Amino acid sequence: MRVINLSFLGTLSVTDEKTHKQASMQLDQEEMEKISQLVLTLEQSQPESKLPACADCINYGLDVRIDSRQIHALFNDINLPGTAYQPLIYELMKLQEEALSK
C-alpha cells in the first residue's frame, strides 16, 4: 500500500508501506493550482458509499480536508472510471511515481 500526503504548502510525501521507501518533493505553484482545480470539482460530486467487489482491483482511498470540510471516498478499478475523482487520483498517482523515482 502507498500513502500520499499533500500539504496546502505544496509538500508531497509518499510512503510505500511494502518496501518502506519514503520520498518527498515540493510542488510548484502551477501544479498546486491544477490540483486545487481538481479538488474543486469534487465539491459537486458524491462518491458511491459502497466499494464494488473485485478481488484483483487496485483500491484507491481519498481523504481531502479543506478548512472544516472533509471529503472521504473509496474507489477501485470498477467504480473509478468516469467519476469526478478520476483526474485527481490519476494526477496524484503520477506525482507519487515521480517522487519515488528520484
PDB file of N, CA and C in Angstrom:
ATOM      1  N   MET A   1       0.837  -1.166   0.000  1.00  0.00           N
ATOM      2  CA  MET A   1       0.000   0.000   0.000  1.00  0.00           C
ATOM      3  C   MET A   1       0.890   1.241   0.000  1.00  0.00           C
ATOM      4  N   ARG A   2       0.442   2.258  -0.727  1.00  0.00           N
ATOM      5  CA  ARG A   2       1.148   3.532  -0.756  1.00  0.00           C
ATOM      6  C   ARG A   2       0.260   4.620  -0.168  1.00  0.00           C
ATOM      7  N   VAL A   3       0.889   5.523   0.546  1.00  0.00           N
ATOM      8  CA  VAL A   3       0.185   6.642   1.160  1.00  0.00           C
ATOM      9  C   VAL A   3       0.805   7.924   0.637  1.00  0.00           C
ATOM     10  N   ILE A   4      -0.056   8.825   0.163  1.00  0.00           N
ATOM     11  CA  ILE A   4       0.382  10.117  -0.343  1.00  0.00           C
ATOM     12  C   ILE A   4      -0.208  11.198   0.559  1.00  0.00           C
ATOM     13  N   ASN A   5       0.620  12.119   0.996  1.00  0.00           N
ATOM     14  CA  ASN A   5       0.161  13.286   1.741  1.00  0.00           C
ATOM     15  C   ASN A   5       0.603  14.528   0.989  1.00  0.00           C
ATOM     16  N   LEU A   6      -0.336  15.462   0.831  1.00  0.00           N
ATOM     17  CA  LEU A   6      -0.035  16.717   0.158  1.00  0.00           C
ATOM     18  C   LEU A   6      -0.513  17.850   1.048  1.00  0.00           C
ATOM     19  N   SER A   7       0.421  18.690   1.472  1.00  0.00           N
ATOM     20  CA  SER A   7       0.054  19.821   2.329  1.00  0.00           C
ATOM     21  C   SER A   7      -0.386  21.000   1.467  1.00  0.00           C
ATOM     22  N   PHE A   8      -1.062  21.949   2.090  1.00  0.00           N
ATOM     23  CA  PHE A   8      -1.504  23.130   1.364  1.00  0.00           C
ATOM     24  C   PHE A   8      -0.320  23.998   0.928  1.00  0.00           C
ATOM     25  N   LEU A   9       0.843  23.741   1.491  1.00  0.00           N
ATOM     26  CA  LEU A   9       2.051  24.466   1.094  1.00  0.00           C
ATOM     27  C   LEU A   9       2.745  23.828  -0.107  1.00  0.00           C
ATOM     28  N   GLY A  10       2.229  22.669  -0.567  1.00  0.00           N
ATOM     29  CA  GLY A  10       2.783  22.019  -1.743  1.00  0.00           C
ATOM     30  C   GLY A  10       3.797  20.927  -1.480  1.00  0.00           C
ATOM     31  N   THR A  11       3.962  20.531  -0.226  1.00  0.00           N
ATOM     32  CA  THR A  11       4.883  19.441   0.081  1.00  0.00           C
ATOM     33  C   THR A  11       4.160  18.116  -0.092  1.00  0.00           C
ATOM     34  N   LEU A  12       4.668  17.307  -1.006  1.00  0.00           N
ATOM     35  CA  LEU A  12       4.103  15.985  -1.278  1.00  0.00           C
ATOM     36  C   LEU A  12       5.025  14.941  -0.664  1.00  0.00           C
ATOM     37  N   SER A  13       4.471  14.076   0.160  1.00  0.00           N
ATOM     38  CA  SER A  13       5.265  12.973   0.706  1.00  0.00           C
ATOM     39  C   SER A  13       4.572  11.658   0.371  1.00  0.00           C
ATOM     40  N   VAL A  14       5.383  10.675   0.050  1.00  0.00           N
ATOM     41  CA  VAL A  14       4.889   9.361  -0.358  1.00  0.00           C
ATOM     42  C   VAL A  14       5.577   8.303   0.487  1.00  0.00           C
ATOM     43  N   THR A  15       4.804   7.350   0.964  1.00  0.00           N
ATOM     44  CA  THR A  15       5.348   6.211   1.694  1.00  0.00           C
ATOM     45  C   THR A  15       4.840   4.940   1.035  1.00  0.00           C
ATOM     46  N   ASP A  16       5.760   4.076   0.648  1.00  0.00           N
ATOM     47  CA  ASP A  16       5.415   2.756   0.144  1.00  0.00           C
ATOM     48  C   ASP A  16       5.564   1.802   1.323  1.00  0.00           C
ATOM     49  N   GLU A  17       4.443   1.365   1.863  1.00  0.00           N
ATOM     50  CA  GLU A  17       4.483   0.553   3.079  1.00  0.00           C
ATOM     51  C   GLU A  17       5.020  -0.855   2.834  1.00  0.00           C
ATOM     52  N   LYS A  18       4.987  -1.307   1.593  1.00  0.00           N
ATOM     53  CA  LYS A  18       5.516  -2.632   1.274  1.00  0.00           C
ATOM     54  C   LYS A  18       7.045  -2.631   1.258  1.00  0.00           C
ATOM     55  N   THR A  19       7.630  -1.603   0.627  1.00  0.00           N
ATOM     56  CA  THR A  19       9.090  -1.537   0.507  1.00  0.00           C
ATOM     57  C   THR A  19       9.728  -0.629   1.564  1.00  0.00           C
ATOM     58  N   HIS A  20       8.902   0.065   2.325  1.00  0.00           N
ATOM     59  CA  HIS A  20       9.361   1.011   3.354  1.00  0.00           C
ATOM     60  C   HIS A  20      10.115   2.195   2.754  1.00  0.00           C
ATOM     61  N   LYS A  21       9.912   2.449   1.471  1.00  0.00           N
ATOM     62  CA  LYS A  21      10.555   3.583   0.824  1.00  0.00           C
ATOM     63  C   LYS A  21       9.717   4.833   1.061  1.00  0.00           C
ATOM     64  N   GLN A  22      10.398   5.922   1.360  1.00  0.00           N
ATOM     65  CA  GLN A  22       9.739   7.207   1.548  1.00  0.00           C
ATOM     66  C   GLN A  22      10.389   8.231   0.634  1.00  0.00           C
ATOM     67  N   ALA A  23       9.571   9.145   0.148  1.00  0.00           N
ATOM     68  CA  ALA A  23      10.090  10.202  -0.723  1.00  0.00           C
ATOM     69  C   ALA A  23       9.233  11.445  -0.531  1.00  0.00           C
ATOM     70  N   SER A  24       9.810  12.576  -0.838  1.00  0.00           N
ATOM     71  CA  SER A  24       9.036  13.815  -0.796  1.00  0.00           C
ATOM     72  C   SER A  24       9.544  14.746  -1.879  1.00  0.00           C
ATOM     73  N   MET A  25       8.697  15.679  -2.239  1.00  0.00           N
ATOM     74  CA  MET A  25       9.066  16.688  -3.217  1.00  0.00           C
ATOM     75  C   MET A  25       8.181  17.908  -3.016  1.00  0.00           C
ATOM     76  N   GLN A  26       8.643  19.028  -3.515  1.00  0.00           N
ATOM     77  CA  GLN A  26       7.890  20.275  -3.421  1.00  0.00           C
ATOM     78  C   GLN A  26       7.226  20.535  -4.765  1.00  0.00           C
ATOM     79  N   LEU A  27       5.904  20.706  -4.757  1.00  0.00           N
ATOM     80  CA  LEU A  27       5.188  21.008  -5.993  1.00  0.00           C
ATOM     81  C   LEU A  27       5.270  22.501  -6.267  1.00  0.00           C
ATOM     82  N   ASP A  28       5.340  22.847  -7.539  1.00  0.00           N
ATOM     83  CA  ASP A  28       5.368  24.260  -7.897  1.00  0.00           C
ATOM     84  C   ASP A  28       3.948  24.832  -7.897  1.00  0.00           C
ATOM     85  N   GLN A  29       3.858  26.139  -8.039  1.00  0.00           N
ATOM     86  CA  GLN A  29       2.569  26.840  -7.983  1.00  0.00           C
ATOM     87  C   GLN A  29       1.609  26.344  -9.054  1.00  0.00           C
ATOM     88  N   GLU A  30       2.111  26.089 -10.253  1.00  0.00           N
ATOM     89  CA  GLU A  30       1.275  25.621 -11.355  1.00  0.00           C
ATOM     90  C   GLU A  30       0.638  24.265 -11.029  1.00  0.00           C
ATOM     91  N   GLU A  31       1.432  23.358 -10.479  1.00  0.00           N
ATOM     92  CA  GLU A  31       0.918  22.030 -10.127  1.00  0.00           C
ATOM     93  C   GLU A  31      -0.105  22.129  -8.990  1.00  0.00           C
ATOM     94  N   MET A  32       0.158  22.996  -8.015  1.00  0.00           N
ATOM     95  CA  MET A  32      -0.789  23.178  -6.913  1.00  0.00           C
ATOM     96  C   MET A  32      -2.111  23.760  -7.410  1.00  0.00           C
ATOM     97  N   GLU A  33      -2.045  24.676  -8.357  1.00  0.00           N
ATOM     98  CA  GLU A  33      -3.272  25.234  -8.927  1.00  0.00           C
ATOM     99  C   GLU A  33      -4.057  24.169  -9.673  1.00  0.00           C
ATOM    100  N   LYS A  34      -3.355  23.295 -10.381  1.00  0.00           N
ATOM    101  CA  LYS A  34      -4.014  22.196 -11.095  1.00  0.00           C
ATOM    102  C   LYS A  34      -4.728  21.282 -10.102  1.00  0.00           C
ATOM    103  N   ILE A  35      -4.053  20.916  -9.023  1.00  0.00           N
ATOM    104  CA  ILE A  35      -4.661  20.046  -8.007  1.00  0.00           C
ATOM    105  C   ILE A  35      -5.846  20.752  -7.354  1.00  0.00           C
ATOM    106  N   SER A  36      -5.703  22.033  -7.059  1.00  0.00           N
ATOM    107  CA  SER A  36      -6.799  22.792  -6.439  1.00  0.00           C
ATOM    108  C   SER A  36      -8.040  22.787  -7.322  1.00  0.00           C
ATOM    109  N   GLN A  37      -7.845  22.966  -8.616  1.00  0.00           N
ATOM    110  CA  GLN A  37      -8.981  22.944  -9.541  1.00  0.00           C
ATOM    111  C   GLN A  37      -9.641  21.561  -9.570  1.00  0.00           C
ATOM    112  N   LEU A  38      -8.824  20.511  -9.519  1.00  0.00           N
ATOM    113  CA  LEU A  38      -9.383  19.154  -9.498  1.00  0.00           C
ATOM    114  C   LEU A  38     -10.163  18.908  -8.211  1.00  0.00           C
ATOM    115  N   VAL A  39      -9.667  19.416  -7.097  1.00  0.00           N
ATOM    116  CA  VAL A  39     -10.373  19.264  -5.819  1.00  0.00           C
ATOM    117  C   VAL A  39     -11.700  20.015  -5.852  1.00  0.00           C
ATOM    118  N   LEU A  40     -11.718  21.193  -6.456  1.00  0.00           N
ATOM    119  CA  LEU A  40     -12.955  21.962  -6.541  1.00  0.00           C
ATOM    120  C   LEU A  40     -14.051  21.209  -7.285  1.00  0.00           C
ATOM    121  N   THR A  41     -13.685  20.393  -8.256  1.00  0.00           N
ATOM    122  CA  THR A  41     -14.696  19.624  -8.991  1.00  0.00           C
ATOM    123  C   THR A  41     -15.332  18.554  -8.116  1.00  0.00           C
ATOM    124  N   LEU A  42     -14.670  18.176  -7.031  1.00  0.00           N
ATOM    125  CA  LEU A  42     -15.208  17.138  -6.151  1.00  0.00           C
ATOM    126  C   LEU A  42     -16.355  17.647  -5.292  1.00  0.00           C
ATOM    127  N   GLU A  43     -16.416  18.960  -5.098  1.00  0.00           N
ATOM    128  CA  GLU A  43     -17.422  19.523  -4.216  1.00  0.00           C
ATOM    129  C   GLU A  43     -18.844  19.267  -4.705  1.00  0.00           C
ATOM    130  N   GLN A  44     -19.039  19.086  -5.997  1.00  0.00           N
ATOM    131  CA  GLN A  44     -20.370  18.834  -6.532  1.00  0.00           C
ATOM    132  C   GLN A  44     -20.644  17.341  -6.726  1.00  0.00           C
ATOM    133  N   SER A  45     -19.721  16.501  -6.335  1.00  0.00           N
ATOM    134  CA  SER A  45     -19.830  15.071  -6.602  1.00  0.00           C
ATOM    135  C   SER A  45     -19.873  14.276  -5.302  1.00  0.00           C
ATOM    136  N   GLN A  46     -20.687  13.248  -5.278  1.00  0.00           N
ATOM    137  CA  GLN A  46     -20.746  12.348  -4.127  1.00  0.00           C
ATOM    138  C   GLN A  46     -20.282  10.966  -4.572  1.00  0.00           C
ATOM    139  N   PRO A  47     -19.293  10.414  -3.892  1.00  0.00           N
ATOM    140  CA  PRO A  47     -18.850   9.060  -4.261  1.00  0.00           C
ATOM    141  C   PRO A  47     -19.871   8.024  -3.814  1.00  0.00           C
ATOM    142  N   GLU A  48     -19.800   6.869  -4.444  1.00  0.00           N
ATOM    143  CA  GLU A  48     -20.643   5.763  -4.009  1.00  0.00           C
ATOM    144  C   GLU A  48     -20.262   5.397  -2.582  1.00  0.00           C
ATOM    145  N   SER A  49     -21.240   4.964  -1.828  1.00  0.00           N
ATOM    146  CA  SER A  49     -20.960   4.656  -0.423  1.00  0.00           C
ATOM    147  C   SER A  49     -20.385   3.256  -0.225  1.00  0.00           C
ATOM    148  N   LYS A  50     -20.541   2.387  -1.222  1.00  0.00           N
ATOM    149  CA  LYS A  50     -20.055   1.019  -1.079  1.00  0.00           C
ATOM    150  C   LYS A  50     -19.081   0.694  -2.214  1.00  0.00           C
ATOM    151  N   LEU A  51     -17.977   0.092  -1.861  1.00  0.00           N
ATOM    152  CA  LEU A  51     -16.955  -0.289  -2.833  1.00  0.00           C
ATOM    153  C   LEU A  51     -17.390  -1.582  -3.533  1.00  0.00           C
ATOM    154  N   PRO A  52     -17.431  -1.597  -4.874  1.00  0.00           N
ATOM    155  CA  PRO A  52     -17.805  -2.829  -5.578  1.00  0.00           C
ATOM    156  C   PRO A  52     -16.792  -3.944  -5.321  1.00  0.00           C
ATOM    157  N   ALA A  53     -17.269  -5.156  -5.245  1.00  0.00           N
ATOM    158  CA  ALA A  53     -16.395  -6.309  -5.015  1.00  0.00           C
ATOM    159  C   ALA A  53     -15.521  -6.554  -6.243  1.00  0.00           C
ATOM    160  N   CYS A  54     -14.230  -6.750  -5.993  1.00  0.00           N
ATOM    161  CA  CYS A  54     -13.285  -7.042  -7.067  1.00  0.00           C
ATOM    162  C   CYS A  54     -12.009  -7.566  -6.419  1.00  0.00           C
ATOM    163  N   ALA A  55     -11.711  -8.823  -6.640  1.00  0.00           N
ATOM    164  CA  ALA A  55     -10.581  -9.460  -5.963  1.00  0.00           C
ATOM    165  C   ALA A  55      -9.221  -8.969  -6.455  1.00  0.00           C
ATOM    166  N   ASP A  56      -9.110  -8.598  -7.731  1.00  0.00           N
ATOM    167  CA  ASP A  56      -7.793  -8.227  -8.252  1.00  0.00           C
ATOM    168  C   ASP A  56      -7.709  -6.761  -8.686  1.00  0.00           C
ATOM    169  N   CYS A  57      -8.589  -5.928  -8.161  1.00  0.00           N
ATOM    170  CA  CYS A  57      -8.573  -4.497  -8.481  1.00  0.00           C
ATOM    171  C   CYS A  57      -7.625  -3.744  -7.562  1.00  0.00           C
ATOM    172  N   ILE A  58      -7.162  -2.627  -8.058  1.00  0.00           N
ATOM    173  CA  ILE A  58      -6.436  -1.681  -7.210  1.00  0.00           C
ATOM    174  C   ILE A  58      -7.485  -0.839  -6.492  1.00  0.00           C
ATOM    175  N   ASN A  59      -7.306  -0.646  -5.194  1.00  0.00           N
ATOM    176  CA  ASN A  59      -8.206   0.187  -4.411  1.00  0.00           C
ATOM    177  C   ASN A  59      -7.568   1.554  -4.191  1.00  0.00           C
ATOM    178  N   TYR A  60      -8.392   2.585  -4.242  1.00  0.00           N
ATOM    179  CA  TYR A  60      -7.948   3.959  -4.059  1.00  0.00           C
ATOM    180  C   TYR A  60      -8.768   4.586  -2.935  1.00  0.00           C
ATOM    181  N   GLY A  61      -8.102   5.137  -1.956  1.00  0.00           N
ATOM    182  CA  GLY A  61      -8.783   5.868  -0.890  1.00  0.00           C
ATOM    183  C   GLY A  61      -8.355   7.319  -0.959  1.00  0.00           C
ATOM    184  N   LEU A  62      -9.300   8.208  -0.783  1.00  0.00           N
ATOM    185  CA  LEU A  62      -9.002   9.627  -0.880  1.00  0.00           C
ATOM    186  C   LEU A  62      -9.624  10.344   0.310  1.00  0.00           C
ATOM    187  N   ASP A  63      -8.812  11.073   1.059  1.00  0.00           N
ATOM    188  CA  ASP A  63      -9.273  11.922   2.152  1.00  0.00           C
ATOM    189  C   ASP A  63      -8.770  13.328   1.886  1.00  0.00           C
ATOM    190  N   VAL A  64      -9.695  14.243   1.714  1.00  0.00           N
ATOM    191  CA  VAL A  64      -9.349  15.630   1.453  1.00  0.00           C
ATOM    192  C   VAL A  64      -9.935  16.476   2.577  1.00  0.00           C
ATOM    193  N   ARG A  65      -9.095  17.294   3.189  1.00  0.00           N
ATOM    194  CA  ARG A  65      -9.553  18.210   4.234  1.00  0.00           C
ATOM    195  C   ARG A  65      -9.275  19.637   3.783  1.00  0.00           C
ATOM    196  N   ILE A  66     -10.339  20.417   3.702  1.00  0.00           N
ATOM    197  CA  ILE A  66     -10.240  21.821   3.329  1.00  0.00           C
ATOM    198  C   ILE A  66     -10.996  22.606   4.388  1.00  0.00           C
ATOM    199  N   ASP A  67     -10.262  23.376   5.164  1.00  0.00           N
ATOM    200  CA  ASP A  67     -10.853  24.098   6.290  1.00  0.00           C
ATOM    201  C   ASP A  67     -11.600  23.092   7.174  1.00  0.00           C
ATOM    202  N   SER A  68     -12.888  23.275   7.339  1.00  0.00           N
ATOM    203  CA  SER A  68     -13.649  22.351   8.189  1.00  0.00           C
ATOM    204  C   SER A  68     -14.341  21.253   7.389  1.00  0.00           C
ATOM    205  N   ARG A  69     -14.227  21.287   6.073  1.00  0.00           N
ATOM    206  CA  ARG A  69     -14.844  20.271   5.212  1.00  0.00           C
ATOM    207  C   ARG A  69     -13.919  19.087   5.030  1.00  0.00           C
ATOM    208  N   GLN A  70     -14.533  17.920   4.925  1.00  0.00           N
ATOM    209  CA  GLN A  70     -13.760  16.715   4.648  1.00  0.00           C
ATOM    210  C   GLN A  70     -14.482  15.892   3.599  1.00  0.00           C
ATOM    211  N   ILE A  71     -13.707  15.407   2.636  1.00  0.00           N
ATOM    212  CA  ILE A  71     -14.222  14.513   1.600  1.00  0.00           C
ATOM    213  C   ILE A  71     -13.522  13.182   1.784  1.00  0.00           C
ATOM    214  N   HIS A  72     -14.288  12.126   1.890  1.00  0.00           N
ATOM    215  CA  HIS A  72     -13.731  10.775   2.020  1.00  0.00           C
ATOM    216  C   HIS A  72     -14.353   9.928   0.923  1.00  0.00           C
ATOM    217  N   ALA A  73     -13.515   9.248   0.159  1.00  0.00           N
ATOM    218  CA  ALA A  73     -14.021   8.432  -0.945  1.00  0.00           C
ATOM    219  C   ALA A  73     -13.168   7.185  -1.109  1.00  0.00           C
ATOM    220  N   LEU A  74     -13.819   6.091  -1.449  1.00  0.00           N
ATOM    221  CA  LEU A  74     -13.151   4.823  -1.759  1.00  0.00           C
ATOM    222  C   LEU A  74     -13.556   4.394  -3.159  1.00  0.00           C
ATOM    223  N   PHE A  75     -12.566   4.005  -3.935  1.00  0.00           N
ATOM    224  CA  PHE A  75     -12.809   3.547  -5.298  1.00  0.00           C
ATOM    225  C   PHE A  75     -11.948   2.329  -5.578  1.00  0.00           C
ATOM    226  N   ASN A  76     -12.302   1.632  -6.651  1.00  0.00           N
ATOM    227  CA  ASN A  76     -11.428   0.619  -7.217  1.00  0.00           C
ATOM    228  C   ASN A  76     -11.513   0.743  -8.728  1.00  0.00           C
ATOM    229  N   ASP A  77     -10.887  -0.185  -9.431  1.00  0.00           N
ATOM    230  CA  ASP A  77     -10.838  -0.094 -10.892  1.00  0.00           C
ATOM    231  C   ASP A  77     -12.211  -0.192 -11.545  1.00  0.00           C
ATOM    232  N   ILE A  78     -13.210  -0.649 -10.814  1.00  0.00           N
ATOM    233  CA  ILE A  78     -14.558  -0.778 -11.373  1.00  0.00           C
ATOM    234  C   ILE A  78     -15.330   0.534 -11.300  1.00  0.00           C
ATOM    235  N   ASN A  79     -15.315   1.186 -10.134  1.00  0.00           N
ATOM    236  CA  ASN A  79     -16.166   2.371  -9.982  1.00  0.00           C
ATOM    237  C   ASN A  79     -15.446   3.717 -10.132  1.00  0.00           C
ATOM    238  N   LEU A  80     -14.137   3.734 -10.335  1.00  0.00           N
ATOM    239  CA  LEU A  80     -13.415   4.989 -10.518  1.00  0.00           C
ATOM    240  C   LEU A  80     -13.582   5.607 -11.904  1.00  0.00           C
ATOM    241  N   PRO A  81     -13.483   4.827 -12.985  1.00  0.00           N
ATOM    242  CA  PRO A  81     -13.533   5.438 -14.324  1.00  0.00           C
ATOM    243  C   PRO A  81     -14.807   6.270 -14.542  1.00  0.00           C
ATOM    244  N   GLY A  82     -14.597   7.459 -15.106  1.00  0.00           N
ATOM    245  CA  GLY A  82     -15.713   8.322 -15.446  1.00  0.00           C
ATOM    246  C   GLY A  82     -16.221   9.193 -14.310  1.00  0.00           C
ATOM    247  N   THR A  83     -15.628   9.082 -13.118  1.00  0.00           N
ATOM    248  CA  THR A  83     -16.068   9.906 -11.990  1.00  0.00           C
ATOM    249  C   THR A  83     -15.300  11.220 -11.967  1.00  0.00           C
ATOM    250  N   ALA A  84     -15.781  12.166 -11.174  1.00  0.00           N
ATOM    251  CA  ALA A  84     -15.077  13.433 -10.983  1.00  0.00           C
ATOM    252  C   ALA A  84     -13.769  13.217 -10.232  1.00  0.00           C
ATOM    253  N   TYR A  85     -13.632  12.091  -9.552  1.00  0.00           N
ATOM    254  CA  TYR A  85     -12.440  11.792  -8.760  1.00  0.00           C
ATOM    255  C   TYR A  85     -11.286  11.249  -9.592  1.00  0.00           C
ATOM    256  N   GLN A  86     -11.576  10.677 -10.739  1.00  0.00           N
ATOM    257  CA  GLN A  86     -10.551  10.022 -11.548  1.00  0.00           C
ATOM    258  C   GLN A  86      -9.395  10.953 -11.923  1.00  0.00           C
ATOM    259  N   PRO A  87      -9.633  12.164 -12.434  1.00  0.00           N
ATOM    260  CA  PRO A  87      -8.489  13.014 -12.796  1.00  0.00           C
ATOM    261  C   PRO A  87      -7.585  13.339 -11.601  1.00  0.00           C
ATOM    262  N   LEU A  88      -8.167  13.592 -10.440  1.00  0.00           N
ATOM    263  CA  LEU A  88      -7.365  13.901  -9.256  1.00  0.00           C
ATOM    264  C   LEU A  88      -6.558  12.690  -8.819  1.00  0.00           C
ATOM    265  N   ILE A  89      -7.177  11.538  -8.764  1.00  0.00           N
ATOM    266  CA  ILE A  89      -6.465  10.330  -8.346  1.00  0.00           C
ATOM    267  C   ILE A  89      -5.341   9.996  -9.324  1.00  0.00           C
ATOM    268  N   TYR A  90      -5.594  10.124 -10.620  1.00  0.00           N
ATOM    269  CA  TYR A  90      -4.547   9.841 -11.601  1.00  0.00           C
ATOM    270  C   TYR A  90      -3.406  10.852 -11.508  1.00  0.00           C
ATOM    271  N   GLU A  91      -3.729  12.121 -11.241  1.00  0.00           N
ATOM    272  CA  GLU A  91      -2.681  13.137 -11.092  1.00  0.00           C
ATOM    273  C   GLU A  91      -1.826  12.836  -9.865  1.00  0.00           C
ATOM    274  N   LEU A  92      -2.456  12.462  -8.753  1.00  0.00           N
ATOM    275  CA  LEU A  92      -1.707  12.115  -7.548  1.00  0.00           C
ATOM    276  C   LEU A  92      -0.854  10.869  -7.764  1.00  0.00           C
ATOM    277  N   MET A  93      -1.367   9.906  -8.522  1.00  0.00           N
ATOM    278  CA  MET A  93      -0.575   8.707  -8.831  1.00  0.00           C
ATOM    279  C   MET A  93       0.653   9.061  -9.661  1.00  0.00           C
ATOM    280  N   LYS A  94       0.477   9.968 -10.617  1.00  0.00           N
ATOM    281  CA  LYS A  94       1.604  10.420 -11.443  1.00  0.00           C
ATOM    282  C   LYS A  94       2.670  11.085 -10.563  1.00  0.00           C
ATOM    283  N   LEU A  95       2.230  11.937  -9.664  1.00  0.00           N
ATOM    284  CA  LEU A  95       3.162  12.635  -8.775  1.00  0.00           C
ATOM    285  C   LEU A  95       3.848  11.685  -7.812  1.00  0.00           C
ATOM    286  N   GLN A  96       3.125  10.662  -7.352  1.00  0.00           N
ATOM    287  CA  GLN A  96       3.747   9.679  -6.448  1.00  0.00           C
ATOM    288  C   GLN A  96       4.857   8.932  -7.167  1.00  0.00           C
ATOM    289  N   GLU A  97       4.631   8.549  -8.403  1.00  0.00           N
ATOM    290  CA  GLU A  97       5.663   7.849  -9.177  1.00  0.00           C
ATOM    291  C   GLU A  97       6.879   8.750  -9.400  1.00  0.00           C
ATOM    292  N   GLU A  98       6.606  10.029  -9.675  1.00  0.00           N
ATOM    293  CA  GLU A  98       7.701  10.982  -9.871  1.00  0.00           C
ATOM    294  C   GLU A  98       8.529  11.109  -8.591  1.00  0.00           C
ATOM    295  N   ALA A  99       7.860  11.224  -7.458  1.00  0.00           N
ATOM    296  CA  ALA A  99       8.572  11.377  -6.191  1.00  0.00           C
ATOM    297  C   ALA A  99       9.390  10.112  -5.863  1.00  0.00           C
ATOM    298  N   LEU A 100       8.810   8.950  -6.083  1.00  0.00           N
ATOM    299  CA  LEU A 100       9.507   7.699  -5.743  1.00  0.00           C
ATOM    300  C   LEU A 100      10.652   7.383  -6.706  1.00  0.00           C
ATOM    301  N   SER A 101      10.619   7.965  -7.900  1.00  0.00           N
ATOM    302  CA  SER A 101      11.674   7.676  -8.874  1.00  0.00           C
ATOM    303  C   SER A 101      12.925   8.518  -8.652  1.00  0.00           C
ATOM    304  N   LYS A 102      12.851   9.494  -7.774  1.00  0.00           N
ATOM    305  CA  LYS A 102      14.013  10.382  -7.529  1.00  0.00           C
ATOM    306  C   LYS A 102      14.959   9.775  -6.529  1.00  0.00           C
TER     307      LYS A 102
END
